[in-house]
């Protein structure tokens, strides 16, 4: 929500920065013109930063989940040495459970994921 607020404020400031000098010819000499210029430059960068932080948090969470899955699959891989047909069937069931659990976790994560505007 903060990114959206910053976006709309930046749009208003940019519009004011464009309109006010046309309404008031001497506006560019006022100190408030410099403040508008500063905000016109800084607010879009702030909005982009907020978006980047949000994306970074998502990637970090996904990376942690992926590392956990690598550990679980590595443990299963180590158990696939010298197997009998009966043991192979049990290992395949265990592998299926791990994969199913990961799929269910992913679906639960995506069920509550919010879609964000690109602002």
PDB file of N, CA and C in Angstrom:
ATOM      1  N   UNK A   1       0.826  -1.186   0.000  1.00  0.00           N
ATOM      2  CA  UNK A   1       0.000   0.000   0.000  1.00  0.00           C
ATOM      3  C   UNK A   1       0.870   1.250   0.000  1.00  0.00           C
ATOM      4  N   UNK A   2       2.011   1.180   0.677  1.00  0.00           N
ATOM      5  CA  UNK A   2       2.891   2.351   0.736  1.00  0.00           C
ATOM      6  C   UNK A   2       3.399   2.718  -0.652  1.00  0.00           C
ATOM      7  N   UNK A   3       3.711   1.701  -1.456  1.00  0.00           N
ATOM      8  CA  UNK A   3       4.188   1.959  -2.816  1.00  0.00           C
ATOM      9  C   UNK A   3       3.138   2.664  -3.650  1.00  0.00           C
ATOM     10  N   UNK A   4       1.886   2.251  -3.473  1.00  0.00           N
ATOM     11  CA  UNK A   4       0.796   2.892  -4.218  1.00  0.00           C
ATOM     12  C   UNK A   4       0.601   4.339  -3.780  1.00  0.00           C
ATOM     13  N   UNK A   5       0.692   4.595  -2.486  1.00  0.00           N
ATOM     14  CA  UNK A   5       0.551   5.965  -1.977  1.00  0.00           C
ATOM     15  C   UNK A   5       1.678   6.838  -2.530  1.00  0.00           C
ATOM     16  N   UNK A   6       2.900   6.324  -2.488  1.00  0.00           N
ATOM     17  CA  UNK A   6       4.043   7.083  -3.020  1.00  0.00           C
ATOM     18  C   UNK A   6       3.853   7.356  -4.507  1.00  0.00           C
ATOM     19  N   UNK A   7       3.328   6.380  -5.244  1.00  0.00           N
ATOM     20  CA  UNK A   7       3.096   6.564  -6.670  1.00  0.00           C
ATOM     21  C   UNK A   7       2.126   7.712  -6.933  1.00  0.00           C
ATOM     22  N   UNK A   8       0.998   7.725  -6.229  1.00  0.00           N
ATOM     23  CA  UNK A   8       0.005   8.782  -6.454  1.00  0.00           C
ATOM     24  C   UNK A   8       0.514  10.151  -6.013  1.00  0.00           C
ATOM     25  N   UNK A   9       1.240  10.199  -4.927  1.00  0.00           N
ATOM     26  CA  UNK A   9       1.823  11.477  -4.495  1.00  0.00           C
ATOM     27  C   UNK A   9       2.825  11.968  -5.539  1.00  0.00           C
ATOM     28  N   UNK A  10       3.631  11.061  -6.076  1.00  0.00           N
ATOM     29  CA  UNK A  10       4.606  11.435  -7.105  1.00  0.00           C
ATOM     30  C   UNK A  10       3.900  11.979  -8.340  1.00  0.00           C
ATOM     31  N   UNK A  11       2.782  11.369  -8.716  1.00  0.00           N
ATOM     32  CA  UNK A  11       2.027  11.853  -9.876  1.00  0.00           C
ATOM     33  C   UNK A  11       1.471  13.260  -9.622  1.00  0.00           C
ATOM     34  N   UNK A  12       0.959  13.488  -8.431  1.00  0.00           N
ATOM     35  CA  UNK A  12       0.412  14.810  -8.092  1.00  0.00           C
ATOM     36  C   UNK A  12       1.529  15.856  -8.084  1.00  0.00           C
ATOM     37  N   UNK A  13       2.659  15.511  -7.483  1.00  0.00           N
ATOM     38  CA  UNK A  13       3.785  16.454  -7.421  1.00  0.00           C
ATOM     39  C   UNK A  13       4.296  16.769  -8.816  1.00  0.00           C
ATOM     40  N   UNK A  14       4.409  15.750  -9.665  1.00  0.00           N
ATOM     41  CA  UNK A  14       4.875  15.984 -11.034  1.00  0.00           C
ATOM     42  C   UNK A  14       3.892  16.864 -11.795  1.00  0.00           C
ATOM     43  N   UNK A  15       2.604  16.642 -11.590  1.00  0.00           N
ATOM     44  CA  UNK A  15       1.581  17.472 -12.240  1.00  0.00           C
ATOM     45  C   UNK A  15       1.667  18.911 -11.750  1.00  0.00           C
ATOM     46  N   UNK A  16       1.811  19.093 -10.454  1.00  0.00           N
ATOM     47  CA  UNK A  16       1.969  20.451  -9.903  1.00  0.00           C
ATOM     48  C   UNK A  16       3.239  21.111 -10.438  1.00  0.00           C
ATOM     49  N   UNK A  17       4.296  20.341 -10.539  1.00  0.00           N
ATOM     50  CA  UNK A  17       5.566  20.859 -11.049  1.00  0.00           C
ATOM     51  C   UNK A  17       5.422  21.336 -12.490  1.00  0.00           C
ATOM     52  N   UNK A  18       4.527  20.715 -13.233  1.00  0.00           N
ATOM     53  CA  UNK A  18       4.282  21.112 -14.616  1.00  0.00           C
ATOM     54  C   UNK A  18       3.304  22.281 -14.718  1.00  0.00           C
ATOM     55  N   UNK A  19       2.238  22.260 -13.914  1.00  0.00           N
ATOM     56  CA  UNK A  19       1.155  23.246 -14.046  1.00  0.00           C
ATOM     57  C   UNK A  19       1.479  24.581 -13.376  1.00  0.00           C
ATOM     58  N   UNK A  20       2.013  24.566 -12.171  1.00  0.00           N
ATOM     59  CA  UNK A  20       2.195  25.809 -11.408  1.00  0.00           C
ATOM     60  C   UNK A  20       3.055  26.861 -12.126  1.00  0.00           C
ATOM     61  N   UNK A  21       4.157  26.505 -12.796  1.00  0.00           N
ATOM     62  CA  UNK A  21       4.907  27.546 -13.508  1.00  0.00           C
ATOM     63  C   UNK A  21       4.108  28.187 -14.648  1.00  0.00           C
ATOM     64  N   UNK A  22       3.138  27.454 -15.202  1.00  0.00           N
ATOM     65  CA  UNK A  22       2.304  28.031 -16.258  1.00  0.00           C
ATOM     66  C   UNK A  22       1.247  28.977 -15.696  1.00  0.00           C
ATOM     67  N   UNK A  23       0.794  28.706 -14.484  1.00  0.00           N
ATOM     68  CA  UNK A  23      -0.209  29.577 -13.846  1.00  0.00           C
ATOM     69  C   UNK A  23       0.459  30.804 -13.238  1.00  0.00           C
ATOM     70  N   UNK A  24       1.573  30.600 -12.559  1.00  0.00           N
ATOM     71  CA  UNK A  24       2.321  31.684 -11.918  1.00  0.00           C
ATOM     72  C   UNK A  24       3.671  31.823 -12.618  1.00  0.00           C
ATOM     73  N   UNK A  25       3.837  32.830 -13.463  1.00  0.00           N
ATOM     74  CA  UNK A  25       5.070  32.958 -14.248  1.00  0.00           C
ATOM     75  C   UNK A  25       6.355  33.021 -13.411  1.00  0.00           C
ATOM     76  N   UNK A  26       6.333  33.574 -12.233  1.00  0.00           N
ATOM     77  CA  UNK A  26       7.529  33.685 -11.410  1.00  0.00           C
ATOM     78  C   UNK A  26       7.721  32.521 -10.459  1.00  0.00           C
ATOM     79  N   UNK A  27       6.961  31.465 -10.635  1.00  0.00           N
ATOM     80  CA  UNK A  27       6.979  30.344  -9.698  1.00  0.00           C
ATOM     81  C   UNK A  27       8.341  29.671  -9.602  1.00  0.00           C
ATOM     82  N   UNK A  28       9.069  29.590 -10.700  1.00  0.00           N
ATOM     83  CA  UNK A  28      10.369  28.910 -10.685  1.00  0.00           C
ATOM     84  C   UNK A  28      11.383  29.592  -9.781  1.00  0.00           C
ATOM     85  N   UNK A  29      11.143  30.848  -9.434  1.00  0.00           N
ATOM     86  CA  UNK A  29      12.058  31.560  -8.544  1.00  0.00           C
ATOM     87  C   UNK A  29      11.732  31.321  -7.071  1.00  0.00           C
ATOM     88  N   UNK A  30      10.594  30.772  -6.761  1.00  0.00           N
ATOM     89  CA  UNK A  30      10.200  30.502  -5.382  1.00  0.00           C
ATOM     90  C   UNK A  30      10.929  29.258  -4.867  1.00  0.00           C
ATOM     91  N   UNK A  31      11.116  29.222  -3.569  1.00  0.00           N
ATOM     92  CA  UNK A  31      11.789  28.042  -2.991  1.00  0.00           C
ATOM     93  C   UNK A  31      10.907  26.800  -3.070  1.00  0.00           C
ATOM     94  N   UNK A  32       9.590  26.980  -3.090  1.00  0.00           N
ATOM     95  CA  UNK A  32       8.699  25.825  -3.201  1.00  0.00           C
ATOM     96  C   UNK A  32       8.861  25.125  -4.550  1.00  0.00           C
ATOM     97  N   UNK A  33       9.299  25.831  -5.574  1.00  0.00           N
ATOM     98  CA  UNK A  33       9.554  25.208  -6.881  1.00  0.00           C
ATOM     99  C   UNK A  33      10.698  24.200  -6.757  1.00  0.00           C
ATOM    100  N   UNK A  34      11.703  24.545  -5.956  1.00  0.00           N
ATOM    101  CA  UNK A  34      12.823  23.626  -5.747  1.00  0.00           C
ATOM    102  C   UNK A  34      12.400  22.391  -4.951  1.00  0.00           C
ATOM    103  N   UNK A  35      11.489  22.594  -4.015  1.00  0.00           N
ATOM    104  CA  UNK A  35      10.978  21.461  -3.235  1.00  0.00           C
ATOM    105  C   UNK A  35      10.183  20.527  -4.144  1.00  0.00           C
ATOM    106  N   UNK A  36       9.361  21.098  -5.026  1.00  0.00           N
ATOM    107  CA  UNK A  36       8.611  20.268  -5.978  1.00  0.00           C
ATOM    108  C   UNK A  36       9.558  19.496  -6.901  1.00  0.00           C
ATOM    109  N   UNK A  37      10.617  20.156  -7.332  1.00  0.00           N
ATOM    110  CA  UNK A  37      11.603  19.483  -8.186  1.00  0.00           C
ATOM    111  C   UNK A  37      12.242  18.320  -7.438  1.00  0.00           C
ATOM    112  N   UNK A  38      12.609  18.557  -6.199  1.00  0.00           N
ATOM    113  CA  UNK A  38      13.214  17.502  -5.382  1.00  0.00           C
ATOM    114  C   UNK A  38      12.260  16.325  -5.228  1.00  0.00           C
ATOM    115  N   UNK A  39      11.009  16.601  -4.869  1.00  0.00           N
ATOM    116  CA  UNK A  39      10.033  15.533  -4.693  1.00  0.00           C
ATOM    117  C   UNK A  39       9.737  14.818  -6.012  1.00  0.00           C
ATOM    118  N   UNK A  40       9.734  15.564  -7.113  1.00  0.00           N
ATOM    119  CA  UNK A  40       9.498  14.946  -8.425  1.00  0.00           C
ATOM    120  C   UNK A  40      10.598  13.949  -8.767  1.00  0.00           C
ATOM    121  N   UNK A  41      11.787  14.200  -8.289  1.00  0.00           N
ATOM    122  CA  UNK A  41      12.903  13.296  -8.559  1.00  0.00           C
ATOM    123  C   UNK A  41      13.008  12.158  -7.544  1.00  0.00           C
ATOM    124  N   UNK A  42      12.732  12.446  -6.292  1.00  0.00           N
ATOM    125  CA  UNK A  42      12.954  11.466  -5.225  1.00  0.00           C
ATOM    126  C   UNK A  42      11.802  10.461  -5.086  1.00  0.00           C
ATOM    127  N   UNK A  43      10.563  10.908  -5.231  1.00  0.00           N
ATOM    128  CA  UNK A  43       9.431  10.012  -4.986  1.00  0.00           C
ATOM    129  C   UNK A  43       9.382   8.800  -5.926  1.00  0.00           C
ATOM    130  N   UNK A  44       9.626   8.941  -7.235  1.00  0.00           N
ATOM    131  CA  UNK A  44       9.645   7.725  -8.070  1.00  0.00           C
ATOM    132  C   UNK A  44      10.741   6.738  -7.644  1.00  0.00           C
ATOM    133  N   UNK A  45      11.890   7.250  -7.243  1.00  0.00           N
ATOM    134  CA  UNK A  45      12.961   6.364  -6.770  1.00  0.00           C
ATOM    135  C   UNK A  45      12.548   5.652  -5.482  1.00  0.00           C
ATOM    136  N   UNK A  46      11.868   6.358  -4.607  1.00  0.00           N
ATOM    137  CA  UNK A  46      11.380   5.748  -3.366  1.00  0.00           C
ATOM    138  C   UNK A  46      10.361   4.660  -3.667  1.00  0.00           C
ATOM    139  N   UNK A  47       9.451   4.928  -4.595  1.00  0.00           N
ATOM    140  CA  UNK A  47       8.461   3.916  -4.978  1.00  0.00           C
ATOM    141  C   UNK A  47       9.119   2.675  -5.558  1.00  0.00           C
ATOM    142  N   UNK A  48      10.133   2.875  -6.397  1.00  0.00           N
ATOM    143  CA  UNK A  48      10.851   1.733  -6.977  1.00  0.00           C
ATOM    144  C   UNK A  48      11.570   0.943  -5.894  1.00  0.00           C
ATOM    145  N   UNK A  49      12.105   1.623  -4.909  1.00  0.00           N
ATOM    146  CA  UNK A  49      12.785   0.956  -3.802  1.00  0.00           C
ATOM    147  C   UNK A  49      11.812   0.104  -2.992  1.00  0.00           C
ATOM    148  N   UNK A  50      10.640   0.646  -2.730  1.00  0.00           N
ATOM    149  CA  UNK A  50       9.636  -0.129  -1.995  1.00  0.00           C
ATOM    150  C   UNK A  50       9.232  -1.382  -2.773  1.00  0.00           C
ATOM    151  N   UNK A  51       9.083  -1.261  -4.076  1.00  0.00           N
ATOM    152  CA  UNK A  51       8.771  -2.421  -4.900  1.00  0.00           C
ATOM    153  C   UNK A  51       9.886  -3.454  -4.885  1.00  0.00           C
ATOM    154  N   UNK A  52      11.119  -2.988  -4.903  1.00  0.00           N
ATOM    155  CA  UNK A  52      12.265  -3.902  -4.883  1.00  0.00           C
ATOM    156  C   UNK A  52      12.348  -4.654  -3.556  1.00  0.00           C
ATOM    157  N   UNK A  53      12.077  -3.963  -2.465  1.00  0.00           N
ATOM    158  CA  UNK A  53      12.104  -4.615  -1.145  1.00  0.00           C
ATOM    159  C   UNK A  53      11.029  -5.693  -1.079  1.00  0.00           C
ATOM    160  N   UNK A  54       9.843  -5.390  -1.588  1.00  0.00           N
ATOM    161  CA  UNK A  54       8.752  -6.373  -1.585  1.00  0.00           C
ATOM    162  C   UNK A  54       9.149  -7.606  -2.402  1.00  0.00           C
ATOM    163  N   UNK A  55       9.725  -7.392  -3.580  1.00  0.00           N
ATOM    164  CA  UNK A  55      10.156  -8.501  -4.432  1.00  0.00           C
ATOM    165  C   UNK A  55      11.262  -9.304  -3.764  1.00  0.00           C
ATOM    166  N   UNK A  56      12.201  -8.621  -3.120  1.00  0.00           N
ATOM    167  CA  UNK A  56      13.313  -9.314  -2.456  1.00  0.00           C
ATOM    168  C   UNK A  56      12.803 -10.242  -1.359  1.00  0.00           C
ATOM    169  N   UNK A  57      11.824  -9.786  -0.616  1.00  0.00           N
ATOM    170  CA  UNK A  57      11.266 -10.633   0.444  1.00  0.00           C
ATOM    171  C   UNK A  57      10.643 -11.896  -0.139  1.00  0.00           C
ATOM    172  N   UNK A  58       9.935 -11.754  -1.262  1.00  0.00           N
ATOM    173  CA  UNK A  58       9.331 -12.923  -1.911  1.00  0.00           C
ATOM    174  C   UNK A  58      10.410 -13.901  -2.374  1.00  0.00           C
ATOM    175  N   UNK A  59      11.466 -13.385  -3.016  1.00  0.00           N
ATOM    176  CA  UNK A  59      12.526 -14.254  -3.521  1.00  0.00           C
ATOM    177  C   UNK A  59      13.239 -14.952  -2.376  1.00  0.00           C
ATOM    178  N   UNK A  60      13.442 -14.249  -1.276  1.00  0.00           N
ATOM    179  CA  UNK A  60      14.123 -14.845  -0.130  1.00  0.00           C
ATOM    180  C   UNK A  60      13.295 -15.998   0.439  1.00  0.00           C
ATOM    181  N   UNK A  61      11.994 -15.802   0.544  1.00  0.00           N
ATOM    182  CA  UNK A  61      11.123 -16.852   1.072  1.00  0.00           C
ATOM    183  C   UNK A  61      11.122 -18.065   0.140  1.00  0.00           C
ATOM    184  N   UNK A  62      11.054 -17.819  -1.157  1.00  0.00           N
ATOM    185  CA  UNK A  62      11.081 -18.926  -2.117  1.00  0.00           C
ATOM    186  C   UNK A  62      12.416 -19.655  -2.088  1.00  0.00           C
ATOM    187  N   UNK A  63      13.512 -18.911  -1.921  1.00  0.00           N
ATOM    188  CA  UNK A  63      14.836 -19.540  -1.852  1.00  0.00           C
ATOM    189  C   UNK A  63      14.950 -20.436  -0.622  1.00  0.00           C
ATOM    190  N   UNK A  64      14.414 -19.989   0.494  1.00  0.00           N
ATOM    191  CA  UNK A  64      14.464 -20.798   1.714  1.00  0.00           C
ATOM    192  C   UNK A  64      13.657 -22.090   1.534  1.00  0.00           C
ATOM    193  N   UNK A  65      12.495 -21.995   0.898  1.00  0.00           N
ATOM    194  CA  UNK A  65      11.680 -23.181   0.652  1.00  0.00           C
ATOM    195  C   UNK A  65      12.409 -24.138  -0.279  1.00  0.00           C
ATOM    196  N   UNK A  66      13.077 -23.602  -1.286  1.00  0.00           N
ATOM    197  CA  UNK A  66      13.805 -24.441  -2.238  1.00  0.00           C
ATOM    198  C   UNK A  66      14.968 -25.160  -1.563  1.00  0.00           C
ATOM    199  N   UNK A  67      15.686 -24.471  -0.671  1.00  0.00           N
ATOM    200  CA  UNK A  67      16.794 -25.107   0.049  1.00  0.00           C
ATOM    201  C   UNK A  67      16.283 -26.270   0.903  1.00  0.00           C
ATOM    202  N   UNK A  68      15.135 -26.072   1.528  1.00  0.00           N
ATOM    203  CA  UNK A  68      14.548 -27.136   2.344  1.00  0.00           C
ATOM    204  C   UNK A  68      14.212 -28.345   1.474  1.00  0.00           C
ATOM    205  N   UNK A  69      13.683 -28.083   0.293  1.00  0.00           N
ATOM    206  CA  UNK A  69      13.329 -29.174  -0.613  1.00  0.00           C
ATOM    207  C   UNK A  69      14.581 -29.913  -1.092  1.00  0.00           C
ATOM    208  N   UNK A  70      15.654 -29.206  -1.358  1.00  0.00           N
ATOM    209  CA  UNK A  70      16.913 -29.835  -1.770  1.00  0.00           C
ATOM    210  C   UNK A  70      17.403 -30.788  -0.683  1.00  0.00           C
ATOM    211  N   UNK A  71      17.314 -30.372   0.568  1.00  0.00           N
ATOM    212  CA  UNK A  71      17.751 -31.226   1.683  1.00  0.00           C
ATOM    213  C   UNK A  71      16.910 -32.499   1.741  1.00  0.00           C
ATOM    214  N   UNK A  72      15.584 -32.340   1.628  1.00  0.00           N
ATOM    215  CA  UNK A  72      14.709 -33.509   1.704  1.00  0.00           C
ATOM    216  C   UNK A  72      14.962 -34.470   0.545  1.00  0.00           C
ATOM    217  N   UNK A  73      15.136 -33.937  -0.664  1.00  0.00           N
ATOM    218  CA  UNK A  73      15.393 -34.814  -1.816  1.00  0.00           C
ATOM    219  C   UNK A  73      16.773 -35.456  -1.738  1.00  0.00           C
ATOM    220  N   UNK A  74      17.747 -34.746  -1.179  1.00  0.00           N
ATOM    221  CA  UNK A  74      19.089 -35.322  -1.015  1.00  0.00           C
ATOM    222  C   UNK A  74      19.058 -36.498  -0.052  1.00  0.00           C
ATOM    223  N   UNK A  75      18.287 -36.369   1.010  1.00  0.00           N
ATOM    224  CA  UNK A  75      18.151 -37.479   1.959  1.00  0.00           C
ATOM    225  C   UNK A  75      17.525 -38.698   1.276  1.00  0.00           C
ATOM    226  N   UNK A  76      16.519 -38.458   0.444  1.00  0.00           N
ATOM    227  CA  UNK A  76      15.892 -39.565  -0.278  1.00  0.00           C
ATOM    228  C   UNK A  76      16.857 -40.185  -1.283  1.00  0.00           C
ATOM    229  N   UNK A  77      17.634 -39.358  -1.941  1.00  0.00           N
ATOM    230  CA  UNK A  77      18.597 -39.863  -2.931  1.00  0.00           C
ATOM    231  C   UNK A  77      19.594 -40.814  -2.274  1.00  0.00           C
ATOM    232  N   UNK A  78      20.040 -40.467  -1.079  1.00  0.00           N
ATOM    233  CA  UNK A  78      20.990 -41.318  -0.363  1.00  0.00           C
ATOM    234  C   UNK A  78      20.415 -42.679  -0.003  1.00  0.00           C
ATOM    235  N   UNK A  79      19.105 -42.784   0.089  1.00  0.00           N
ATOM    236  CA  UNK A  79      18.462 -44.047   0.454  1.00  0.00           C
ATOM    237  C   UNK A  79      18.240 -44.958  -0.761  1.00  0.00           C
ATOM    238  N   UNK A  80      18.535 -44.475  -1.973  1.00  0.00           N
ATOM    239  CA  UNK A  80      18.287 -45.252  -3.181  1.00  0.00           C
ATOM    240  C   UNK A  80      19.462 -46.160  -3.566  1.00  0.00           C
ATOM    241  N   UNK A  81      20.377 -46.425  -2.654  1.00  0.00           N
ATOM    242  CA  UNK A  81      21.513 -47.302  -2.952  1.00  0.00           C
ATOM    243  C   UNK A  81      21.178 -48.730  -2.537  1.00  0.00           C
ATOM    244  N   UNK A  82      21.532 -49.675  -3.403  1.00  0.00           N
ATOM    245  CA  UNK A  82      21.329 -51.106  -3.129  1.00  0.00           C
ATOM    246  C   UNK A  82      19.903 -51.398  -2.667  1.00  0.00           C
ATOM    247  N   UNK A  83      18.958 -51.164  -3.532  1.00  0.00           N
ATOM    248  CA  UNK A  83      17.562 -51.382  -3.153  1.00  0.00           C
ATOM    249  C   UNK A  83      17.025 -52.660  -3.797  1.00  0.00           C
ATOM    250  N   UNK A  84      16.119 -53.267  -3.096  1.00  0.00           N
ATOM    251  CA  UNK A  84      15.379 -54.410  -3.622  1.00  0.00           C
ATOM    252  C   UNK A  84      14.084 -53.875  -4.235  1.00  0.00           C
ATOM    253  N   UNK A  85      13.409 -54.670  -5.011  1.00  0.00           N
ATOM    254  CA  UNK A  85      12.148 -54.181  -5.592  1.00  0.00           C
ATOM    255  C   UNK A  85      11.142 -53.716  -4.541  1.00  0.00           C
ATOM    256  N   UNK A  86      11.085 -54.418  -3.429  1.00  0.00           N
ATOM    257  CA  UNK A  86      10.142 -54.020  -2.368  1.00  0.00           C
ATOM    258  C   UNK A  86      10.577 -52.691  -1.731  1.00  0.00           C
ATOM    259  N   UNK A  87      11.876 -52.569  -1.477  1.00  0.00           N
ATOM    260  CA  UNK A  87      12.401 -51.328  -0.878  1.00  0.00           C
ATOM    261  C   UNK A  87      12.265 -50.171  -1.865  1.00  0.00           C
ATOM    262  N   UNK A  88      12.429 -50.452  -3.147  1.00  0.00           N
ATOM    263  CA  UNK A  88      12.277 -49.420  -4.166  1.00  0.00           C
ATOM    264  C   UNK A  88      10.857 -48.864  -4.155  1.00  0.00           C
ATOM    265  N   UNK A  89       9.909 -49.740  -4.017  1.00  0.00           N
ATOM    266  CA  UNK A  89       8.515 -49.298  -3.962  1.00  0.00           C
ATOM    267  C   UNK A  89       8.278 -48.381  -2.755  1.00  0.00           C
ATOM    268  N   UNK A  90       8.831 -48.740  -1.607  1.00  0.00           N
ATOM    269  CA  UNK A  90       8.684 -47.911  -0.402  1.00  0.00           C
ATOM    270  C   UNK A  90       9.366 -46.548  -0.590  1.00  0.00           C
ATOM    271  N   UNK A  91      10.549 -46.541  -1.194  1.00  0.00           N
ATOM    272  CA  UNK A  91      11.257 -45.278  -1.438  1.00  0.00           C
ATOM    273  C   UNK A  91      10.500 -44.395  -2.426  1.00  0.00           C
ATOM    274  N   UNK A  92       9.918 -45.013  -3.421  1.00  0.00           N
ATOM    275  CA  UNK A  92       9.138 -44.229  -4.378  1.00  0.00           C
ATOM    276  C   UNK A  92       7.901 -43.622  -3.718  1.00  0.00           C
ATOM    277  N   UNK A  93       7.290 -44.356  -2.802  1.00  0.00           N
ATOM    278  CA  UNK A  93       6.159 -43.805  -2.044  1.00  0.00           C
ATOM    279  C   UNK A  93       6.610 -42.629  -1.178  1.00  0.00           C
ATOM    280  N   UNK A  94       7.765 -42.772  -0.532  1.00  0.00           N
ATOM    281  CA  UNK A  94       8.299 -41.672   0.280  1.00  0.00           C
ATOM    282  C   UNK A  94       8.595 -40.446  -0.586  1.00  0.00           C
ATOM    283  N   UNK A  95       9.166 -40.695  -1.759  1.00  0.00           N
ATOM    284  CA  UNK A  95       9.463 -39.590  -2.677  1.00  0.00           C
ATOM    285  C   UNK A  95       8.177 -38.914  -3.121  1.00  0.00           C
ATOM    286  N   UNK A  96       7.182 -39.710  -3.415  1.00  0.00           N
ATOM    287  CA  UNK A  96       5.890 -39.157  -3.821  1.00  0.00           C
ATOM    288  C   UNK A  96       5.292 -38.298  -2.712  1.00  0.00           C
ATOM    289  N   UNK A  97       5.421 -38.735  -1.458  1.00  0.00           N
ATOM    290  CA  UNK A  97       4.900 -37.961  -0.326  1.00  0.00           C
ATOM    291  C   UNK A  97       5.612 -36.607  -0.210  1.00  0.00           C
ATOM    292  N   UNK A  98       6.943 -36.619  -0.373  1.00  0.00           N
ATOM    293  CA  UNK A  98       7.715 -35.371  -0.292  1.00  0.00           C
ATOM    294  C   UNK A  98       7.280 -34.414  -1.404  1.00  0.00           C
ATOM    295  N   UNK A  99       7.155 -34.934  -2.613  1.00  0.00           N
ATOM    296  CA  UNK A  99       6.760 -34.091  -3.743  1.00  0.00           C
ATOM    297  C   UNK A  99       5.332 -33.573  -3.575  1.00  0.00           C
ATOM    298  N   UNK A 100       4.444 -34.426  -3.073  1.00  0.00           N
ATOM    299  CA  UNK A 100       3.068 -34.009  -2.839  1.00  0.00           C
ATOM    300  C   UNK A 100       2.999 -32.928  -1.774  1.00  0.00           C
ATOM    301  N   UNK A 101       3.784 -33.121  -0.717  1.00  0.00           N
ATOM    302  CA  UNK A 101       3.816 -32.121   0.353  1.00  0.00           C
ATOM    303  C   UNK A 101       4.298 -30.773  -0.192  1.00  0.00           C
ATOM    304  N   UNK A 102       5.321 -30.792  -1.035  1.00  0.00           N
ATOM    305  CA  UNK A 102       5.838 -29.560  -1.625  1.00  0.00           C
ATOM    306  C   UNK A 102       4.781 -28.906  -2.510  1.00  0.00           C
ATOM    307  N   UNK A 103       4.089 -29.701  -3.285  1.00  0.00           N
ATOM    308  CA  UNK A 103       3.042 -29.160  -4.149  1.00  0.00           C
ATOM    309  C   UNK A 103       1.918 -28.540  -3.326  1.00  0.00           C
ATOM    310  N   UNK A 104       1.503 -29.220  -2.267  1.00  0.00           N
ATOM    311  CA  UNK A 104       0.449 -28.679  -1.405  1.00  0.00           C
ATOM    312  C   UNK A 104       0.901 -27.395  -0.716  1.00  0.00           C
ATOM    313  N   UNK A 105       2.160 -27.354  -0.261  1.00  0.00           N
ATOM    314  CA  UNK A 105       2.691 -26.135   0.351  1.00  0.00           C
ATOM    315  C   UNK A 105       2.687 -24.987  -0.650  1.00  0.00           C
ATOM    316  N   UNK A 106       3.077 -25.293  -1.886  1.00  0.00           N
ATOM    317  CA  UNK A 106       3.117 -24.265  -2.932  1.00  0.00           C
ATOM    318  C   UNK A 106       1.710 -23.753  -3.221  1.00  0.00           C
ATOM    319  N   UNK A 107       0.751 -24.661  -3.335  1.00  0.00           N
ATOM    320  CA  UNK A 107      -0.631 -24.246  -3.594  1.00  0.00           C
ATOM    321  C   UNK A 107      -1.187 -23.405  -2.440  1.00  0.00           C
ATOM    322  N   UNK A 108      -0.854 -23.780  -1.210  1.00  0.00           N
ATOM    323  CA  UNK A 108      -1.303 -22.999  -0.054  1.00  0.00           C
ATOM    324  C   UNK A 108      -0.671 -21.616  -0.069  1.00  0.00           C
ATOM    325  N   UNK A 109       0.595 -21.529  -0.453  1.00  0.00           N
ATOM    326  CA  UNK A 109       1.277 -20.241  -0.529  1.00  0.00           C
ATOM    327  C   UNK A 109       0.645 -19.360  -1.593  1.00  0.00           C
ATOM    328  N   UNK A 110       0.362 -19.919  -2.749  1.00  0.00           N
ATOM    329  CA  UNK A 110      -0.205 -19.138  -3.853  1.00  0.00           C
ATOM    330  C   UNK A 110      -1.665 -18.766  -3.601  1.00  0.00           C
ATOM    331  N   UNK A 111      -2.356 -19.564  -2.798  1.00  0.00           N
ATOM    332  CA  UNK A 111      -3.759 -19.267  -2.491  1.00  0.00           C
ATOM    333  C   UNK A 111      -3.891 -17.930  -1.776  1.00  0.00           C
ATOM    334  N   UNK A 112      -2.927 -17.622  -0.925  1.00  0.00           N
ATOM    335  CA  UNK A 112      -2.999 -16.394  -0.148  1.00  0.00           C
ATOM    336  C   UNK A 112      -2.080 -15.295  -0.673  1.00  0.00           C
ATOM    337  N   UNK A 113      -1.397 -15.558  -1.786  1.00  0.00           N
ATOM    338  CA  UNK A 113      -0.524 -14.539  -2.359  1.00  0.00           C
ATOM    339  C   UNK A 113      -1.363 -13.417  -2.947  1.00  0.00           C
ATOM    340  N   UNK A 114      -0.933 -12.215  -2.694  1.00  0.00           N
ATOM    341  CA  UNK A 114      -1.648 -11.050  -3.212  1.00  0.00           C
ATOM    342  C   UNK A 114      -1.000 -10.600  -4.515  1.00  0.00           C
ATOM    343  N   UNK A 115      -1.844 -10.226  -5.459  1.00  0.00           N
ATOM    344  CA  UNK A 115      -1.352  -9.648  -6.691  1.00  0.00           C
ATOM    345  C   UNK A 115      -1.238  -8.144  -6.479  1.00  0.00           C
ATOM    346  N   UNK A 116      -0.134  -7.578  -6.934  1.00  0.00           N
ATOM    347  CA  UNK A 116       0.104  -6.160  -6.733  1.00  0.00           C
ATOM    348  C   UNK A 116       0.132  -5.450  -8.078  1.00  0.00           C
ATOM    349  N   UNK A 117      -0.335  -4.212  -8.066  1.00  0.00           N
ATOM    350  CA  UNK A 117      -0.229  -3.384  -9.264  1.00  0.00           C
ATOM    351  C   UNK A 117       1.245  -3.058  -9.486  1.00  0.00           C
ATOM    352  N   UNK A 118       1.566  -2.802 -10.713  1.00  0.00           N
ATOM    353  CA  UNK A 118       2.958  -2.464 -11.042  1.00  0.00           C
ATOM    354  C   UNK A 118       3.188  -0.974 -10.856  1.00  0.00           C
ATOM    355  N   UNK A 119       2.906  -0.477  -9.661  1.00  0.00           N
ATOM    356  CA  UNK A 119       3.159   0.934  -9.338  1.00  0.00           C
ATOM    357  C   UNK A 119       4.028   1.027  -8.129  1.00  0.00           C
TER     358      UNK A 119
END
